[in-house]
């Protein structure tokens, strides 16, 4: 099982993830895309990444706004898996 990050490690990770914030036991980012098809394209790409790494974020789609929440439920909070997935989500959004 993945180990929970310490408060210091979470703070350090968030310093490198400027679009993310802590939301309880998760990392959270909301992104506004150009339009609904682009939002769906991002969600689809993140779904592919999540399947490949077997770590799945919660995703909420509201027209062209997508909110991502990364938490390792089996560990009960934020782990290195969540930080890695957040970085990959950023890369997906930045690639547009």
Protein backbone atom coordinates (compact mmCIF):
# COMPACT_ATOMS: atom_id res chain seq x y z
CA UNK A 1 0.00 0.00 0.00
CA UNK A 2 1.17 3.51 -0.74
CA UNK A 3 2.27 5.58 2.26
CA UNK A 4 0.60 8.84 3.17
CA UNK A 5 2.66 11.97 2.62
CA UNK A 6 3.55 14.11 5.61
CA UNK A 7 2.20 17.65 5.90
CA UNK A 8 5.62 18.95 4.85
CA UNK A 9 5.71 16.67 1.79
CA UNK A 10 2.21 17.78 0.79
CA UNK A 11 3.20 21.45 1.12
CA UNK A 12 6.33 20.85 -0.97
CA UNK A 13 4.29 19.08 -3.63
CA UNK A 14 1.76 21.92 -3.77
CA UNK A 15 4.60 24.40 -4.26
CA UNK A 16 5.36 22.54 -7.50
CA UNK A 17 1.68 22.27 -8.47
CA UNK A 18 0.50 25.90 -8.67
CA UNK A 19 -2.99 25.06 -9.97
CA UNK A 20 -3.71 22.58 -7.18
CA UNK A 21 -4.86 22.98 -3.61
CA UNK A 22 -5.47 20.70 -0.72
CA UNK A 23 -9.10 19.77 -0.20
CA UNK A 24 -9.21 17.63 2.93
CA UNK A 25 -7.59 14.30 2.12
CA UNK A 26 -7.18 15.10 -1.60
CA UNK A 27 -5.41 17.33 -4.08
CA UNK A 28 -7.86 19.32 -6.18
CA UNK A 29 -7.69 21.37 -9.36
CA UNK A 30 -10.41 23.03 -11.39
CA UNK A 31 -9.68 23.82 -15.02
CA UNK A 32 -11.81 25.83 -17.42
CA UNK A 33 -11.35 24.64 -20.98
CA UNK A 34 -12.26 26.39 -24.22
CA UNK A 35 -15.46 24.42 -24.75
CA UNK A 36 -17.30 21.22 -23.86
CA UNK A 37 -15.58 19.01 -26.47
CA UNK A 38 -12.17 20.11 -25.18
CA UNK A 39 -13.24 19.36 -21.60
CA UNK A 40 -14.34 15.88 -22.64
CA UNK A 41 -11.08 15.35 -24.54
CA UNK A 42 -9.11 16.16 -21.37
CA UNK A 43 -11.28 13.83 -19.29
CA UNK A 44 -10.81 11.04 -21.84
CA UNK A 45 -7.03 11.49 -21.89
CA UNK A 46 -6.85 11.57 -18.08
CA UNK A 47 -8.98 8.39 -18.02
CA UNK A 48 -6.43 6.67 -20.27
CA UNK A 49 -3.56 7.77 -18.04
CA UNK A 50 -5.44 6.66 -14.91
CA UNK A 51 -6.10 3.23 -16.37
CA UNK A 52 -2.45 2.83 -17.35
CA UNK A 53 -1.20 3.67 -13.85
CA UNK A 54 -4.18 2.04 -12.06
CA UNK A 55 -4.85 5.19 -10.05
CA UNK A 56 -8.10 7.01 -10.75
CA UNK A 57 -9.02 10.60 -9.87
CA UNK A 58 -12.52 11.79 -9.14
CA UNK A 59 -13.63 13.99 -12.03
CA UNK A 60 -16.56 16.40 -12.15
CA UNK A 61 -17.55 17.86 -15.52
CA UNK A 62 -19.70 21.00 -15.71
CA UNK A 63 -19.93 22.17 -19.32
CA UNK A 64 -16.36 23.31 -19.98
CA UNK A 65 -15.16 23.24 -16.37
CA UNK A 66 -13.56 20.07 -15.00
CA UNK A 67 -12.57 19.49 -11.38
CA UNK A 68 -10.05 16.77 -10.59
CA UNK A 69 -9.58 15.29 -7.11
CA UNK A 70 -6.65 12.99 -6.45
CA UNK A 71 -6.61 10.88 -3.30
CA UNK A 72 -5.42 7.39 -2.53
CA UNK A 73 -8.56 6.01 -0.94
CA UNK A 74 -6.92 2.73 0.11
CA UNK A 75 -4.32 4.71 2.11
CA UNK A 76 -6.82 7.23 3.44
CA UNK A 77 -5.29 10.38 1.99
CA UNK A 78 -2.61 11.92 -0.20
CA UNK A 79 0.31 9.81 -1.43
CA UNK A 80 3.05 10.16 -4.02
CA UNK A 81 0.65 8.52 -6.49
CA UNK A 82 -1.63 11.53 -6.21
CA UNK A 83 1.20 14.00 -6.79
CA UNK A 84 2.35 12.05 -9.84
CA UNK A 85 -1.18 11.90 -11.25
CA UNK A 86 -1.68 15.63 -10.62
CA UNK A 87 1.51 16.35 -12.58
CA UNK A 88 0.25 14.23 -15.46
CA UNK A 89 -3.13 15.96 -15.40
CA UNK A 90 -1.32 19.32 -15.62
CA UNK A 91 0.65 18.02 -18.58
CA UNK A 92 -2.54 16.95 -20.32
CA UNK A 93 -4.17 20.33 -19.81
CA UNK A 94 -1.00 22.21 -20.81
CA UNK A 95 -0.75 20.22 -24.05
CA UNK A 96 -3.94 21.81 -25.39
